[in-house]
Amino acid sequence: LIYRTVGIEPYWLEQQAKYIPEIHARLLEDLSTWPSLDMPHVVSRHIPQTDLETSRYFQEFLKPQGLVDVMSFFLIHT
């Protein structure tokens, strides 16, 4: 697996583990109807604001760090 993060402090990377189930559930839901894996998943484009407001991941993990967007790009699909 290739996994790359940029600019996230070690403390926050450890904290991120708490939100893995929510992250995976959202990606599975979104990607099940994704038009092409050549297109990146960008939170600000693909997740409704109302969902972000109720997401523990966005409210408790991203927002306190001042992060406003996340992009995931899938390099390999099998």
PDB file of N, CA and C in Angstrom:
ATOM      1  N   LEU A   1       0.827  -1.181   0.000  1.00  0.00           N
ATOM      2  CA  LEU A   1       0.000   0.000   0.000  1.00  0.00           C
ATOM      3  C   LEU A   1       0.875   1.250   0.000  1.00  0.00           C
ATOM      4  N   ILE A   2       0.399   2.244  -0.678  1.00  0.00           N
ATOM      5  CA  ILE A   2       1.063   3.543  -0.657  1.00  0.00           C
ATOM      6  C   ILE A   2       0.166   4.482   0.122  1.00  0.00           C
ATOM      7  N   TYR A   3       0.713   5.086   1.142  1.00  0.00           N
ATOM      8  CA  TYR A   3      -0.046   6.018   1.960  1.00  0.00           C
ATOM      9  C   TYR A   3       0.851   7.205   2.222  1.00  0.00           C
ATOM     10  N   ARG A   4       0.392   8.382   1.900  1.00  0.00           N
ATOM     11  CA  ARG A   4       1.220   9.573   2.048  1.00  0.00           C
ATOM     12  C   ARG A   4       0.412  10.673   2.712  1.00  0.00           C
ATOM     13  N   THR A   5       0.960  11.228   3.755  1.00  0.00           N
ATOM     14  CA  THR A   5       0.363  12.406   4.368  1.00  0.00           C
ATOM     15  C   THR A   5       1.399  13.515   4.317  1.00  0.00           C
ATOM     16  N   VAL A   6       0.916  14.727   4.299  1.00  0.00           N
ATOM     17  CA  VAL A   6       1.813  15.881   4.235  1.00  0.00           C
ATOM     18  C   VAL A   6       1.410  16.868   5.316  1.00  0.00           C
ATOM     19  N   GLY A   7       2.353  17.244   6.158  1.00  0.00           N
ATOM     20  CA  GLY A   7       2.133  18.294   7.137  1.00  0.00           C
ATOM     21  C   GLY A   7       1.312  17.917   8.351  1.00  0.00           C
ATOM     22  N   ILE A   8       1.144  16.637   8.630  1.00  0.00           N
ATOM     23  CA  ILE A   8       0.388  16.221   9.815  1.00  0.00           C
ATOM     24  C   ILE A   8       1.390  15.787  10.891  1.00  0.00           C
ATOM     25  N   GLU A   9       1.293  16.409  12.047  1.00  0.00           N
ATOM     26  CA  GLU A   9       2.179  16.096  13.165  1.00  0.00           C
ATOM     27  C   GLU A   9       1.942  14.661  13.657  1.00  0.00           C
ATOM     28  N   PRO A  10       2.986  14.022  14.202  1.00  0.00           N
ATOM     29  CA  PRO A  10       2.842  12.640  14.690  1.00  0.00           C
ATOM     30  C   PRO A  10       1.672  12.447  15.667  1.00  0.00           C
ATOM     31  N   TYR A  11       1.451  13.404  16.554  1.00  0.00           N
ATOM     32  CA  TYR A  11       0.334  13.298  17.500  1.00  0.00           C
ATOM     33  C   TYR A  11      -0.983  13.147  16.752  1.00  0.00           C
ATOM     34  N   TRP A  12      -1.188  13.976  15.729  1.00  0.00           N
ATOM     35  CA  TRP A  12      -2.448  13.936  14.995  1.00  0.00           C
ATOM     36  C   TRP A  12      -2.573  12.680  14.144  1.00  0.00           C
ATOM     37  N   LEU A  13      -1.460  12.147  13.662  1.00  0.00           N
ATOM     38  CA  LEU A  13      -1.524  10.879  12.929  1.00  0.00           C
ATOM     39  C   LEU A  13      -2.006   9.755  13.846  1.00  0.00           C
ATOM     40  N   GLU A  14      -1.552   9.779  15.103  1.00  0.00           N
ATOM     41  CA  GLU A  14      -2.029   8.788  16.066  1.00  0.00           C
ATOM     42  C   GLU A  14      -3.518   8.970  16.342  1.00  0.00           C
ATOM     43  N   GLN A  15      -3.948  10.213  16.482  1.00  0.00           N
ATOM     44  CA  GLN A  15      -5.355  10.503  16.740  1.00  0.00           C
ATOM     45  C   GLN A  15      -6.246  10.082  15.577  1.00  0.00           C
ATOM     46  N   GLN A  16      -5.715  10.168  14.369  1.00  0.00           N
ATOM     47  CA  GLN A  16      -6.488   9.845  13.175  1.00  0.00           C
ATOM     48  C   GLN A  16      -7.012   8.410  13.212  1.00  0.00           C
ATOM     49  N   ALA A  17      -6.291   7.527  13.865  1.00  0.00           N
ATOM     50  CA  ALA A  17      -6.696   6.119  13.932  1.00  0.00           C
ATOM     51  C   ALA A  17      -8.095   5.956  14.525  1.00  0.00           C
ATOM     52  N   LYS A  18      -8.507   6.856  15.410  1.00  0.00           N
ATOM     53  CA  LYS A  18      -9.832   6.783  16.018  1.00  0.00           C
ATOM     54  C   LYS A  18     -10.950   6.934  14.980  1.00  0.00           C
ATOM     55  N   TYR A  19     -10.629   7.569  13.874  1.00  0.00           N
ATOM     56  CA  TYR A  19     -11.648   7.920  12.888  1.00  0.00           C
ATOM     57  C   TYR A  19     -11.604   7.042  11.635  1.00  0.00           C
ATOM     58  N   ILE A  20     -10.738   6.043  11.629  1.00  0.00           N
ATOM     59  CA  ILE A  20     -10.603   5.167  10.461  1.00  0.00           C
ATOM     60  C   ILE A  20     -11.935   4.530  10.060  1.00  0.00           C
ATOM     61  N   PRO A  21     -12.746   4.010  10.994  1.00  0.00           N
ATOM     62  CA  PRO A  21     -14.035   3.430  10.568  1.00  0.00           C
ATOM     63  C   PRO A  21     -14.921   4.449   9.835  1.00  0.00           C
ATOM     64  N   GLU A  22     -14.992   5.677  10.330  1.00  0.00           N
ATOM     65  CA  GLU A  22     -15.801   6.703   9.667  1.00  0.00           C
ATOM     66  C   GLU A  22     -15.228   7.047   8.296  1.00  0.00           C
ATOM     67  N   ILE A  23     -13.913   7.178   8.218  1.00  0.00           N
ATOM     68  CA  ILE A  23     -13.260   7.504   6.945  1.00  0.00           C
ATOM     69  C   ILE A  23     -13.545   6.418   5.917  1.00  0.00           C
ATOM     70  N   HIS A  24     -13.330   5.172   6.297  1.00  0.00           N
ATOM     71  CA  HIS A  24     -13.529   4.058   5.363  1.00  0.00           C
ATOM     72  C   HIS A  24     -14.987   3.936   4.939  1.00  0.00           C
ATOM     73  N   ALA A  25     -15.906   4.103   5.878  1.00  0.00           N
ATOM     74  CA  ALA A  25     -17.325   4.004   5.531  1.00  0.00           C
ATOM     75  C   ALA A  25     -17.704   5.075   4.516  1.00  0.00           C
ATOM     76  N   ARG A  26     -17.204   6.282   4.699  1.00  0.00           N
ATOM     77  CA  ARG A  26     -17.536   7.367   3.770  1.00  0.00           C
ATOM     78  C   ARG A  26     -16.929   7.112   2.391  1.00  0.00           C
ATOM     79  N   LEU A  27     -15.675   6.689   2.367  1.00  0.00           N
ATOM     80  CA  LEU A  27     -15.036   6.412   1.079  1.00  0.00           C
ATOM     81  C   LEU A  27     -15.735   5.270   0.347  1.00  0.00           C
ATOM     82  N   LEU A  28     -16.100   4.217   1.076  1.00  0.00           N
ATOM     83  CA  LEU A  28     -16.814   3.105   0.435  1.00  0.00           C
ATOM     84  C   LEU A  28     -18.137   3.571  -0.152  1.00  0.00           C
ATOM     85  N   GLU A  29     -18.850   4.389   0.602  1.00  0.00           N
ATOM     86  CA  GLU A  29     -20.127   4.910   0.117  1.00  0.00           C
ATOM     87  C   GLU A  29     -19.929   5.760  -1.141  1.00  0.00           C
ATOM     88  N   ASP A  30     -18.980   6.669  -1.093  1.00  0.00           N
ATOM     89  CA  ASP A  30     -18.738   7.560  -2.236  1.00  0.00           C
ATOM     90  C   ASP A  30     -18.196   6.801  -3.447  1.00  0.00           C
ATOM     91  N   LEU A  31     -17.246   5.914  -3.214  1.00  0.00           N
ATOM     92  CA  LEU A  31     -16.592   5.228  -4.329  1.00  0.00           C
ATOM     93  C   LEU A  31     -17.470   4.170  -4.985  1.00  0.00           C
ATOM     94  N   SER A  32     -18.516   3.740  -4.295  1.00  0.00           N
ATOM     95  CA  SER A  32     -19.395   2.745  -4.903  1.00  0.00           C
ATOM     96  C   SER A  32     -20.120   3.303  -6.131  1.00  0.00           C
ATOM     97  N   THR A  33     -20.218   4.613  -6.212  1.00  0.00           N
ATOM     98  CA  THR A  33     -20.866   5.237  -7.373  1.00  0.00           C
ATOM     99  C   THR A  33     -19.910   6.178  -8.110  1.00  0.00           C
ATOM    100  N   TRP A  34     -18.621   6.031  -7.851  1.00  0.00           N
ATOM    101  CA  TRP A  34     -17.615   6.922  -8.440  1.00  0.00           C
ATOM    102  C   TRP A  34     -17.501   6.690  -9.941  1.00  0.00           C
ATOM    103  N   PRO A  35     -17.478   7.752 -10.740  1.00  0.00           N
ATOM    104  CA  PRO A  35     -17.426   7.576 -12.191  1.00  0.00           C
ATOM    105  C   PRO A  35     -16.095   7.020 -12.698  1.00  0.00           C
ATOM    106  N   SER A  36     -14.993   7.351 -12.003  1.00  0.00           N
ATOM    107  CA  SER A  36     -13.679   6.886 -12.454  1.00  0.00           C
ATOM    108  C   SER A  36     -12.669   7.030 -11.327  1.00  0.00           C
ATOM    109  N   LEU A  37     -11.864   5.997 -11.129  1.00  0.00           N
ATOM    110  CA  LEU A  37     -10.811   6.093 -10.111  1.00  0.00           C
ATOM    111  C   LEU A  37      -9.662   6.987 -10.569  1.00  0.00           C
ATOM    112  N   ASP A  38      -9.730   7.483 -11.796  1.00  0.00           N
ATOM    113  CA  ASP A  38      -8.749   8.458 -12.260  1.00  0.00           C
ATOM    114  C   ASP A  38      -9.047   9.854 -11.711  1.00  0.00           C
ATOM    115  N   MET A  39     -10.214  10.012 -11.108  1.00  0.00           N
ATOM    116  CA  MET A  39     -10.620  11.295 -10.549  1.00  0.00           C
ATOM    117  C   MET A  39     -10.393  11.269  -9.037  1.00  0.00           C
ATOM    118  N   PRO A  40      -9.680  12.255  -8.469  1.00  0.00           N
ATOM    119  CA  PRO A  40      -9.452  12.247  -7.023  1.00  0.00           C
ATOM    120  C   PRO A  40     -10.747  12.524  -6.252  1.00  0.00           C
ATOM    121  N   HIS A  41     -10.794  12.036  -5.039  1.00  0.00           N
ATOM    122  CA  HIS A  41     -11.900  12.317  -4.131  1.00  0.00           C
ATOM    123  C   HIS A  41     -11.493  13.557  -3.332  1.00  0.00           C
ATOM    124  N   VAL A  42     -12.234  14.649  -3.487  1.00  0.00           N
ATOM    125  CA  VAL A  42     -11.933  15.915  -2.814  1.00  0.00           C
ATOM    126  C   VAL A  42     -13.125  16.257  -1.928  1.00  0.00           C
ATOM    127  N   VAL A  43     -12.860  16.339  -0.648  1.00  0.00           N
ATOM    128  CA  VAL A  43     -13.939  16.551   0.319  1.00  0.00           C
ATOM    129  C   VAL A  43     -14.794  17.766  -0.036  1.00  0.00           C
ATOM    130  N   SER A  44     -14.176  18.890  -0.325  1.00  0.00           N
ATOM    131  CA  SER A  44     -14.944  20.110  -0.589  1.00  0.00           C
ATOM    132  C   SER A  44     -15.829  19.995  -1.829  1.00  0.00           C
ATOM    133  N   ARG A  45     -15.508  19.088  -2.716  1.00  0.00           N
ATOM    134  CA  ARG A  45     -16.302  18.896  -3.933  1.00  0.00           C
ATOM    135  C   ARG A  45     -17.348  17.811  -3.800  1.00  0.00           C
ATOM    136  N   HIS A  46     -17.063  16.804  -2.983  1.00  0.00           N
ATOM    137  CA  HIS A  46     -17.865  15.591  -3.029  1.00  0.00           C
ATOM    138  C   HIS A  46     -18.664  15.263  -1.775  1.00  0.00           C
ATOM    139  N   ILE A  47     -18.455  15.989  -0.695  1.00  0.00           N
ATOM    140  CA  ILE A  47     -19.206  15.705   0.525  1.00  0.00           C
ATOM    141  C   ILE A  47     -20.040  16.934   0.881  1.00  0.00           C
ATOM    142  N   PRO A  48     -21.344  16.756   1.030  1.00  0.00           N
ATOM    143  CA  PRO A  48     -22.206  17.893   1.363  1.00  0.00           C
ATOM    144  C   PRO A  48     -21.811  18.551   2.693  1.00  0.00           C
ATOM    145  N   GLN A  49     -21.954  19.842   2.766  1.00  0.00           N
ATOM    146  CA  GLN A  49     -21.604  20.604   3.969  1.00  0.00           C
ATOM    147  C   GLN A  49     -22.338  20.075   5.200  1.00  0.00           C
ATOM    148  N   THR A  50     -23.588  19.678   5.030  1.00  0.00           N
ATOM    149  CA  THR A  50     -24.356  19.161   6.172  1.00  0.00           C
ATOM    150  C   THR A  50     -23.721  17.892   6.735  1.00  0.00           C
ATOM    151  N   ASP A  51     -23.134  17.064   5.880  1.00  0.00           N
ATOM    152  CA  ASP A  51     -22.446  15.860   6.345  1.00  0.00           C
ATOM    153  C   ASP A  51     -21.170  16.226   7.101  1.00  0.00           C
ATOM    154  N   LEU A  52     -20.473  17.241   6.642  1.00  0.00           N
ATOM    155  CA  LEU A  52     -19.249  17.676   7.320  1.00  0.00           C
ATOM    156  C   LEU A  52     -19.561  18.221   8.710  1.00  0.00           C
ATOM    157  N   GLU A  53     -20.667  18.906   8.834  1.00  0.00           N
ATOM    158  CA  GLU A  53     -21.043  19.495  10.117  1.00  0.00           C
ATOM    159  C   GLU A  53     -21.376  18.447  11.171  1.00  0.00           C
ATOM    160  N   THR A  54     -21.773  17.243  10.749  1.00  0.00           N
ATOM    161  CA  THR A  54     -22.111  16.178  11.694  1.00  0.00           C
ATOM    162  C   THR A  54     -21.037  15.099  11.785  1.00  0.00           C
ATOM    163  N   SER A  55     -19.957  15.248  11.056  1.00  0.00           N
ATOM    164  CA  SER A  55     -18.886  14.259  11.040  1.00  0.00           C
ATOM    165  C   SER A  55     -17.918  14.481  12.205  1.00  0.00           C
ATOM    166  N   ARG A  56     -17.751  13.465  13.030  1.00  0.00           N
ATOM    167  CA  ARG A  56     -16.767  13.561  14.123  1.00  0.00           C
ATOM    168  C   ARG A  56     -15.361  13.748  13.562  1.00  0.00           C
ATOM    169  N   TYR A  57     -15.056  13.066  12.460  1.00  0.00           N
ATOM    170  CA  TYR A  57     -13.723  13.182  11.853  1.00  0.00           C
ATOM    171  C   TYR A  57     -13.417  14.626  11.470  1.00  0.00           C
ATOM    172  N   PHE A  58     -14.352  15.282  10.827  1.00  0.00           N
ATOM    173  CA  PHE A  58     -14.104  16.656  10.398  1.00  0.00           C
ATOM    174  C   PHE A  58     -14.153  17.638  11.555  1.00  0.00           C
ATOM    175  N   GLN A  59     -15.063  17.426  12.483  1.00  0.00           N
ATOM    176  CA  GLN A  59     -15.219  18.363  13.593  1.00  0.00           C
ATOM    177  C   GLN A  59     -14.145  18.201  14.672  1.00  0.00           C
ATOM    178  N   GLU A  60     -13.729  16.950  14.949  1.00  0.00           N
ATOM    179  CA  GLU A  60     -12.801  16.692  16.047  1.00  0.00           C
ATOM    180  C   GLU A  60     -11.354  16.505  15.611  1.00  0.00           C
ATOM    181  N   PHE A  61     -11.149  16.174  14.345  1.00  0.00           N
ATOM    182  CA  PHE A  61      -9.783  15.909  13.873  1.00  0.00           C
ATOM    183  C   PHE A  61      -9.271  16.987  12.922  1.00  0.00           C
ATOM    184  N   LEU A  62     -10.006  17.254  11.862  1.00  0.00           N
ATOM    185  CA  LEU A  62      -9.519  18.204  10.857  1.00  0.00           C
ATOM    186  C   LEU A  62      -9.660  19.658  11.303  1.00  0.00           C
ATOM    187  N   LYS A  63     -10.835  20.020  11.779  1.00  0.00           N
ATOM    188  CA  LYS A  63     -11.101  21.412  12.134  1.00  0.00           C
ATOM    189  C   LYS A  63     -10.131  21.955  13.195  1.00  0.00           C
ATOM    190  N   PRO A  64      -9.838  21.212  14.278  1.00  0.00           N
ATOM    191  CA  PRO A  64      -8.905  21.735  15.279  1.00  0.00           C
ATOM    192  C   PRO A  64      -7.494  22.003  14.726  1.00  0.00           C
ATOM    193  N   GLN A  65      -7.151  21.341  13.632  1.00  0.00           N
ATOM    194  CA  GLN A  65      -5.833  21.549  13.020  1.00  0.00           C
ATOM    195  C   GLN A  65      -5.842  22.666  11.985  1.00  0.00           C
ATOM    196  N   GLY A  66      -7.020  23.198  11.719  1.00  0.00           N
ATOM    197  CA  GLY A  66      -7.138  24.237  10.702  1.00  0.00           C
ATOM    198  C   GLY A  66      -7.164  23.677   9.290  1.00  0.00           C
ATOM    199  N   LEU A  67      -7.389  22.368   9.154  1.00  0.00           N
ATOM    200  CA  LEU A  67      -7.460  21.748   7.832  1.00  0.00           C
ATOM    201  C   LEU A  67      -8.849  21.961   7.252  1.00  0.00           C
ATOM    202  N   VAL A  68      -8.911  22.379   6.011  1.00  0.00           N
ATOM    203  CA  VAL A  68     -10.201  22.698   5.405  1.00  0.00           C
ATOM    204  C   VAL A  68     -10.572  21.786   4.248  1.00  0.00           C
ATOM    205  N   ASP A  69      -9.646  20.946   3.803  1.00  0.00           N
ATOM    206  CA  ASP A  69      -9.941  20.063   2.685  1.00  0.00           C
ATOM    207  C   ASP A  69      -9.030  18.843   2.732  1.00  0.00           C
ATOM    208  N   VAL A  70      -9.487  17.758   2.109  1.00  0.00           N
ATOM    209  CA  VAL A  70      -8.710  16.527   2.012  1.00  0.00           C
ATOM    210  C   VAL A  70      -8.899  15.979   0.608  1.00  0.00           C
ATOM    211  N   MET A  71      -7.803  15.550   0.009  1.00  0.00           N
ATOM    212  CA  MET A  71      -7.881  14.924  -1.303  1.00  0.00           C
ATOM    213  C   MET A  71      -7.305  13.520  -1.211  1.00  0.00           C
ATOM    214  N   SER A  72      -8.039  12.556  -1.744  1.00  0.00           N
ATOM    215  CA  SER A  72      -7.553  11.179  -1.827  1.00  0.00           C
ATOM    216  C   SER A  72      -7.498  10.801  -3.295  1.00  0.00           C
ATOM    217  N   PHE A  73      -6.373  10.249  -3.674  1.00  0.00           N
ATOM    218  CA  PHE A  73      -6.201   9.817  -5.058  1.00  0.00           C
ATOM    219  C   PHE A  73      -5.766   8.367  -5.025  1.00  0.00           C
ATOM    220  N   PHE A  74      -6.498   7.513  -5.715  1.00  0.00           N
ATOM    221  CA  PHE A  74      -6.243   6.086  -5.686  1.00  0.00           C
ATOM    222  C   PHE A  74      -5.363   5.700  -6.864  1.00  0.00           C
ATOM    223  N   LEU A  75      -4.172   5.233  -6.550  1.00  0.00           N
ATOM    224  CA  LEU A  75      -3.193   4.935  -7.583  1.00  0.00           C
ATOM    225  C   LEU A  75      -3.406   3.579  -8.235  1.00  0.00           C
ATOM    226  N   ILE A  76      -3.912   2.626  -7.457  1.00  0.00           N
ATOM    227  CA  ILE A  76      -4.097   1.269  -7.977  1.00  0.00           C
ATOM    228  C   ILE A  76      -5.460   0.762  -7.539  1.00  0.00           C
ATOM    229  N   HIS A  77      -6.142   0.127  -8.440  1.00  0.00           N
ATOM    230  CA  HIS A  77      -7.429  -0.485  -8.120  1.00  0.00           C
ATOM    231  C   HIS A  77      -7.404  -1.931  -8.590  1.00  0.00           C
ATOM    232  N   THR A  78      -7.675  -2.851  -7.673  1.00  0.00           N
ATOM    233  CA  THR A  78      -7.713  -4.262  -8.056  1.00  0.00           C
ATOM    234  C   THR A  78      -9.017  -4.877  -7.622  1.00  0.00           C
TER     235      THR A  78
END
